[in-house]
PDB file of N, CA and C in Angstrom:
ATOM      1  N   MET A   1     217.574  26.626  15.758  1.00  0.00           N
ATOM      2  CA  MET A   1     217.363  25.192  15.896  1.00  0.00           C
ATOM      3  C   MET A   1     218.041  24.467  14.730  1.00  0.00           C
ATOM      4  N   THR A   2     218.608  23.313  15.001  1.00  0.00           N
ATOM      5  CA  THR A   2     219.319  22.530  14.003  1.00  0.00           C
ATOM      6  C   THR A   2     218.340  21.638  13.245  1.00  0.00           C
ATOM      7  N   ASP A   3     218.525  21.598  11.925  1.00  0.00           N
ATOM      8  CA  ASP A   3     217.678  20.734  11.105  1.00  0.00           C
ATOM      9  C   ASP A   3     218.073  19.275  11.265  1.00  0.00           C
ATOM     10  N   THR A   4     217.101  18.406  11.153  1.00  0.00           N
ATOM     11  CA  THR A   4     217.308  16.969  11.171  1.00  0.00           C
ATOM     12  C   THR A   4     216.734  16.413   9.880  1.00  0.00           C
ATOM     13  N   ARG A   5     217.494  15.546   9.209  1.00  0.00           N
ATOM     14  CA  ARG A   5     216.974  14.958   7.977  1.00  0.00           C
ATOM     15  C   ARG A   5     217.335  13.481   7.910  1.00  0.00           C
ATOM     16  N   ALA A   6     216.473  12.730   7.256  1.00  0.00           N
ATOM     17  CA  ALA A   6     216.694  11.298   7.070  1.00  0.00           C
ATOM     18  C   ALA A   6     217.535  11.069   5.825  1.00  0.00           C
ATOM     19  N   ILE A   7     218.346  10.041   5.855  1.00  0.00           N
ATOM     20  CA  ILE A   7     219.122   9.608   4.699  1.00  0.00           C
ATOM     21  C   ILE A   7     218.507   8.317   4.193  1.00  0.00           C
ATOM     22  N   VAL A   8     218.287   8.260   2.885  1.00  0.00           N
ATOM     23  CA  VAL A   8     217.758   7.058   2.243  1.00  0.00           C
ATOM     24  C   VAL A   8     218.710   6.687   1.121  1.00  0.00           C
ATOM     25  N   SER A   9     219.164   5.453   1.086  1.00  0.00           N
ATOM     26  CA  SER A   9     220.113   4.998   0.085  1.00  0.00           C
ATOM     27  C   SER A   9     219.634   3.694  -0.533  1.00  0.00           C
ATOM     28  N   GLU A  10     219.869   3.542  -1.835  1.00  0.00           N
ATOM     29  CA  GLU A  10     219.554   2.281  -2.506  1.00  0.00           C
ATOM     30  C   GLU A  10     220.644   1.242  -2.266  1.00  0.00           C
ATOM     31  N   SER A  11     221.727   1.639  -1.591  1.00  0.00           N
ATOM     32  CA  SER A  11     222.838   0.726  -1.295  1.00  0.00           C
ATOM     33  C   SER A  11     222.518  -0.232  -0.156  1.00  0.00           C
ATOM     34  N   ALA A  12     221.403  -0.023   0.492  1.00  0.00           N
ATOM     35  CA  ALA A  12     220.992  -0.876   1.611  1.00  0.00           C
ATOM     36  C   ALA A  12     219.486  -1.118   1.487  1.00  0.00           C
ATOM     37  N   PRO A  13     219.019  -2.235   2.027  1.00  0.00           N
ATOM     38  CA  PRO A  13     217.579  -2.498   1.954  1.00  0.00           C
ATOM     39  C   PRO A  13     216.800  -1.451   2.745  1.00  0.00           C
ATOM     40  N   PRO A  14     215.564  -1.195   2.347  1.00  0.00           N
ATOM     41  CA  PRO A  14     214.774  -0.221   3.104  1.00  0.00           C
ATOM     42  C   PRO A  14     214.547  -0.709   4.534  1.00  0.00           C
ATOM     43  N   PRO A  15     214.564   0.189   5.488  1.00  0.00           N
ATOM     44  CA  PRO A  15     214.351  -0.217   6.870  1.00  0.00           C
ATOM     45  C   PRO A  15     212.895  -0.625   7.097  1.00  0.00           C
ATOM     46  N   GLY A  16     212.686  -1.485   8.064  1.00  0.00           N
ATOM     47  CA  GLY A  16     211.332  -1.900   8.397  1.00  0.00           C
ATOM     48  C   GLY A  16     210.632  -0.884   9.283  1.00  0.00           C
ATOM     49  N   GLY A  17     209.344  -0.862   9.211  1.00  0.00           N
ATOM     50  CA  GLY A  17     208.566  -0.004  10.096  1.00  0.00           C
ATOM     51  C   GLY A  17     208.807   1.470   9.861  1.00  0.00           C
ATOM     52  N   HIS A  18     208.925   2.204  10.922  1.00  0.00           N
ATOM     53  CA  HIS A  18     209.071   3.655  10.850  1.00  0.00           C
ATOM     54  C   HIS A  18     210.525   4.105  10.997  1.00  0.00           C
ATOM     55  N   TYR A  19     211.462   3.209  10.793  1.00  0.00           N
ATOM     56  CA  TYR A  19     212.878   3.504  10.986  1.00  0.00           C
ATOM     57  C   TYR A  19     213.487   4.173   9.758  1.00  0.00           C
ATOM     58  N   SER A  20     214.681   4.741   9.936  1.00  0.00           N
ATOM     59  CA  SER A  20     215.466   5.329   8.855  1.00  0.00           C
ATOM     60  C   SER A  20     216.802   4.618   8.779  1.00  0.00           C
ATOM     61  N   GLN A  21     217.427   4.632   7.594  1.00  0.00           N
ATOM     62  CA  GLN A  21     218.760   4.058   7.470  1.00  0.00           C
ATOM     63  C   GLN A  21     219.767   4.902   8.247  1.00  0.00           C
ATOM     64  N   ALA A  22     219.560   6.200   8.229  1.00  0.00           N
ATOM     65  CA  ALA A  22     220.439   7.114   8.962  1.00  0.00           C
ATOM     66  C   ALA A  22     219.739   8.459   9.104  1.00  0.00           C
ATOM     67  N   MET A  23     220.207   9.243  10.068  1.00  0.00           N
ATOM     68  CA  MET A  23     219.707  10.604  10.288  1.00  0.00           C
ATOM     69  C   MET A  23     220.906  11.535  10.399  1.00  0.00           C
ATOM     70  N   VAL A  24     220.732  12.753   9.912  1.00  0.00           N
ATOM     71  CA  VAL A  24     221.752  13.792  10.074  1.00  0.00           C
ATOM     72  C   VAL A  24     221.173  14.847  10.989  1.00  0.00           C
ATOM     73  N   HIS A  25     221.944  15.198  12.021  1.00  0.00           N
ATOM     74  CA  HIS A  25     221.493  16.220  12.971  1.00  0.00           C
ATOM     75  C   HIS A  25     222.733  16.908  13.542  1.00  0.00           C
ATOM     76  N   GLY A  26     222.742  18.211  13.474  1.00  0.00           N
ATOM     77  CA  GLY A  26     223.844  18.968  14.056  1.00  0.00           C
ATOM     78  C   GLY A  26     225.200  18.635  13.466  1.00  0.00           C
ATOM     79  N   GLY A  27     225.236  18.275  12.178  1.00  0.00           N
ATOM     80  CA  GLY A  27     226.504  17.958  11.532  1.00  0.00           C
ATOM     81  C   GLY A  27     227.003  16.549  11.782  1.00  0.00           C
ATOM     82  N   LEU A  28     226.237  15.739  12.493  1.00  0.00           N
ATOM     83  CA  LEU A  28     226.608  14.348  12.754  1.00  0.00           C
ATOM     84  C   LEU A  28     225.662  13.413  12.026  1.00  0.00           C
ATOM     85  N   VAL A  29     226.183  12.263  11.609  1.00  0.00           N
ATOM     86  CA  VAL A  29     225.375  11.230  10.963  1.00  0.00           C
ATOM     87  C   VAL A  29     225.183  10.097  11.958  1.00  0.00           C
ATOM     88  N   TYR A  30     223.947   9.737  12.198  1.00  0.00           N
ATOM     89  CA  TYR A  30     223.592   8.636  13.093  1.00  0.00           C
ATOM     90  C   TYR A  30     223.082   7.486  12.234  1.00  0.00           C
ATOM     91  N   LEU A  31     223.855   6.401  12.165  1.00  0.00           N
ATOM     92  CA  LEU A  31     223.484   5.235  11.368  1.00  0.00           C
ATOM     93  C   LEU A  31     222.687   4.252  12.208  1.00  0.00           C
ATOM     94  N   SER A  32     221.715   3.631  11.571  1.00  0.00           N
ATOM     95  CA  SER A  32     220.979   2.573  12.263  1.00  0.00           C
ATOM     96  C   SER A  32     221.824   1.299  12.250  1.00  0.00           C
ATOM     97  N   GLY A  33     221.451   0.346  13.062  1.00  0.00           N
ATOM     98  CA  GLY A  33     222.144  -0.937  13.053  1.00  0.00           C
ATOM     99  C   GLY A  33     221.969  -1.612  11.713  1.00  0.00           C
ATOM    100  N   GLN A  34     223.008  -2.217  11.202  1.00  0.00           N
ATOM    101  CA  GLN A  34     222.962  -2.867   9.901  1.00  0.00           C
ATOM    102  C   GLN A  34     223.120  -4.366  10.068  1.00  0.00           C
ATOM    103  N   LEU A  35     222.202  -5.099   9.495  1.00  0.00           N
ATOM    104  CA  LEU A  35     222.240  -6.555   9.533  1.00  0.00           C
ATOM    105  C   LEU A  35     222.798  -7.084   8.223  1.00  0.00           C
ATOM    106  N   THR A  36     223.037  -8.375   8.160  1.00  0.00           N
ATOM    107  CA  THR A  36     223.551  -8.985   6.932  1.00  0.00           C
ATOM    108  C   THR A  36     222.400  -9.283   5.977  1.00  0.00           C
ATOM    109  N   VAL A  37     221.757  -8.227   5.537  1.00  0.00           N
ATOM    110  CA  VAL A  37     220.680  -8.311   4.557  1.00  0.00           C
ATOM    111  C   VAL A  37     221.169  -7.600   3.304  1.00  0.00           C
ATOM    112  N   HIS A  38     221.092  -8.286   2.167  1.00  0.00           N
ATOM    113  CA  HIS A  38     221.515  -7.707   0.893  1.00  0.00           C
ATOM    114  C   HIS A  38     220.552  -6.582   0.499  1.00  0.00           C
ATOM    115  N   PRO A  39     221.013  -5.645  -0.351  1.00  0.00           N
ATOM    116  CA  PRO A  39     220.132  -4.562  -0.795  1.00  0.00           C
ATOM    117  C   PRO A  39     218.821  -5.044  -1.430  1.00  0.00           C
ATOM    118  N   ASP A  40     218.812  -6.258  -1.997  1.00  0.00           N
ATOM    119  CA  ASP A  40     217.573  -6.788  -2.585  1.00  0.00           C
ATOM    120  C   ASP A  40     216.647  -7.413  -1.538  1.00  0.00           C
ATOM    121  N   GLY A  41     217.087  -7.406  -0.260  1.00  0.00           N
ATOM    122  CA  GLY A  41     216.247  -7.901   0.823  1.00  0.00           C
ATOM    123  C   GLY A  41     216.530  -9.332   1.252  1.00  0.00           C
ATOM    124  N   THR A  42     217.379 -10.055   0.513  1.00  0.00           N
ATOM    125  CA  THR A  42     217.691 -11.428   0.903  1.00  0.00           C
ATOM    126  C   THR A  42     218.665 -11.431   2.078  1.00  0.00           C
ATOM    127  N   ILE A  43     218.562 -12.455   2.913  1.00  0.00           N
ATOM    128  CA  ILE A  43     219.384 -12.580   4.116  1.00  0.00           C
ATOM    129  C   ILE A  43     220.733 -13.195   3.754  1.00  0.00           C
ATOM    130  N   GLY A  44     221.810 -12.645   4.302  1.00  0.00           N
ATOM    131  CA  GLY A  44     223.152 -13.135   4.019  1.00  0.00           C
ATOM    132  C   GLY A  44     223.669 -14.114   5.050  1.00  0.00           C
ATOM    133  N   SER A  45     222.803 -14.942   5.606  1.00  0.00           N
ATOM    134  CA  SER A  45     223.221 -15.868   6.667  1.00  0.00           C
ATOM    135  C   SER A  45     224.144 -16.971   6.164  1.00  0.00           C
ATOM    136  N   GLU A  46     224.202 -17.194   4.863  1.00  0.00           N
ATOM    137  CA  GLU A  46     225.070 -18.243   4.319  1.00  0.00           C
ATOM    138  C   GLU A  46     226.516 -17.776   4.208  1.00  0.00           C
ATOM    139  N   LEU A  47     226.747 -16.491   4.422  1.00  0.00           N
ATOM    140  CA  LEU A  47     228.086 -15.912   4.280  1.00  0.00           C
ATOM    141  C   LEU A  47     228.947 -16.184   5.505  1.00  0.00           C
ATOM    142  N   ASP A  48     230.260 -16.333   5.270  1.00  0.00           N
ATOM    143  CA  ASP A  48     231.162 -16.451   6.417  1.00  0.00           C
ATOM    144  C   ASP A  48     231.327 -15.070   7.066  1.00  0.00           C
ATOM    145  N   PHE A  49     232.018 -15.024   8.194  1.00  0.00           N
ATOM    146  CA  PHE A  49     232.118 -13.785   8.960  1.00  0.00           C
ATOM    147  C   PHE A  49     232.692 -12.638   8.136  1.00  0.00           C
ATOM    148  N   GLU A  50     233.787 -12.887   7.417  1.00  0.00           N
ATOM    149  CA  GLU A  50     234.425 -11.814   6.654  1.00  0.00           C
ATOM    150  C   GLU A  50     233.509 -11.284   5.553  1.00  0.00           C
ATOM    151  N   ALA A  51     232.775 -12.168   4.885  1.00  0.00           N
ATOM    152  CA  ALA A  51     231.848 -11.733   3.840  1.00  0.00           C
ATOM    153  C   ALA A  51     230.685 -10.937   4.448  1.00  0.00           C
ATOM    154  N   GLN A  52     230.216 -11.352   5.624  1.00  0.00           N
ATOM    155  CA  GLN A  52     229.166 -10.596   6.305  1.00  0.00           C
ATOM    156  C   GLN A  52     229.660  -9.200   6.663  1.00  0.00           C
ATOM    157  N   LEU A  53     230.887  -9.113   7.157  1.00  0.00           N
ATOM    158  CA  LEU A  53     231.469  -7.826   7.514  1.00  0.00           C
ATOM    159  C   LEU A  53     231.610  -6.935   6.278  1.00  0.00           C
ATOM    160  N   ARG A  54     232.080  -7.489   5.161  1.00  0.00           N
ATOM    161  CA  ARG A  54     232.194  -6.702   3.928  1.00  0.00           C
ATOM    162  C   ARG A  54     230.837  -6.196   3.470  1.00  0.00           C
ATOM    163  N   LEU A  55     229.804  -7.036   3.559  1.00  0.00           N
ATOM    164  CA  LEU A  55     228.447  -6.637   3.173  1.00  0.00           C
ATOM    165  C   LEU A  55     227.964  -5.469   4.027  1.00  0.00           C
ATOM    166  N   VAL A  56     228.127  -5.577   5.322  1.00  0.00           N
ATOM    167  CA  VAL A  56     227.684  -4.512   6.229  1.00  0.00           C
ATOM    168  C   VAL A  56     228.473  -3.228   5.966  1.00  0.00           C
ATOM    169  N   MET A  57     229.778  -3.339   5.770  1.00  0.00           N
ATOM    170  CA  MET A  57     230.589  -2.149   5.515  1.00  0.00           C
ATOM    171  C   MET A  57     230.230  -1.488   4.188  1.00  0.00           C
ATOM    172  N   ARG A  58     229.897  -2.277   3.156  1.00  0.00           N
ATOM    173  CA  ARG A  58     229.443  -1.700   1.878  1.00  0.00           C
ATOM    174  C   ARG A  58     228.147  -0.920   2.071  1.00  0.00           C
ATOM    175  N   LYS A  59     227.251  -1.482   2.885  1.00  0.00           N
ATOM    176  CA  LYS A  59     225.981  -0.791   3.142  1.00  0.00           C
ATOM    177  C   LYS A  59     226.217   0.505   3.903  1.00  0.00           C
ATOM    178  N   ILE A  60     227.063   0.475   4.925  1.00  0.00           N
ATOM    179  CA  ILE A  60     227.366   1.681   5.699  1.00  0.00           C
ATOM    180  C   ILE A  60     228.008   2.737   4.793  1.00  0.00           C
ATOM    181  N   THR A  61     228.933   2.318   3.944  1.00  0.00           N
ATOM    182  CA  THR A  61     229.576   3.260   3.024  1.00  0.00           C
ATOM    183  C   THR A  61     228.544   3.872   2.083  1.00  0.00           C
ATOM    184  N   GLY A  62     227.645   3.057   1.550  1.00  0.00           N
ATOM    185  CA  GLY A  62     226.618   3.554   0.643  1.00  0.00           C
ATOM    186  C   GLY A  62     225.659   4.522   1.317  1.00  0.00           C
ATOM    187  N   ILE A  63     225.295   4.236   2.547  1.00  0.00           N
ATOM    188  CA  ILE A  63     224.371   5.105   3.287  1.00  0.00           C
ATOM    189  C   ILE A  63     225.044   6.434   3.632  1.00  0.00           C
ATOM    190  N   SER A  64     226.330   6.378   3.974  1.00  0.00           N
ATOM    191  CA  SER A  64     227.000   7.584   4.452  1.00  0.00           C
ATOM    192  C   SER A  64     227.516   8.484   3.336  1.00  0.00           C
ATOM    193  N   HIS A  65     227.378   8.088   2.082  1.00  0.00           N
ATOM    194  CA  HIS A  65     227.837   8.951   0.973  1.00  0.00           C
ATOM    195  C   HIS A  65     226.685   9.577   0.254  1.00  0.00           C
TER     196      HIS A  65
END
C-alpha cells in the first residue's frame, strides 16, 4: 500500500477546517485550491490580476518545495 502524507508550509496560510495545503500519494503531489490570501491571513483583494497571480504562484512554490 502507498503512503499518503500531508504537506504543511509556512509559505501559505493554514487551511481552514480539516483541509490540507497539499497531499502526497503515490509519488504525486495534490495541491489544494489557492486563493489570494497572504501567508499572514490577510486577503489580497486589493491586488491587480498579475499581483494576485504572483501571490498564488509563490504560495504554490512554497508548498511544493
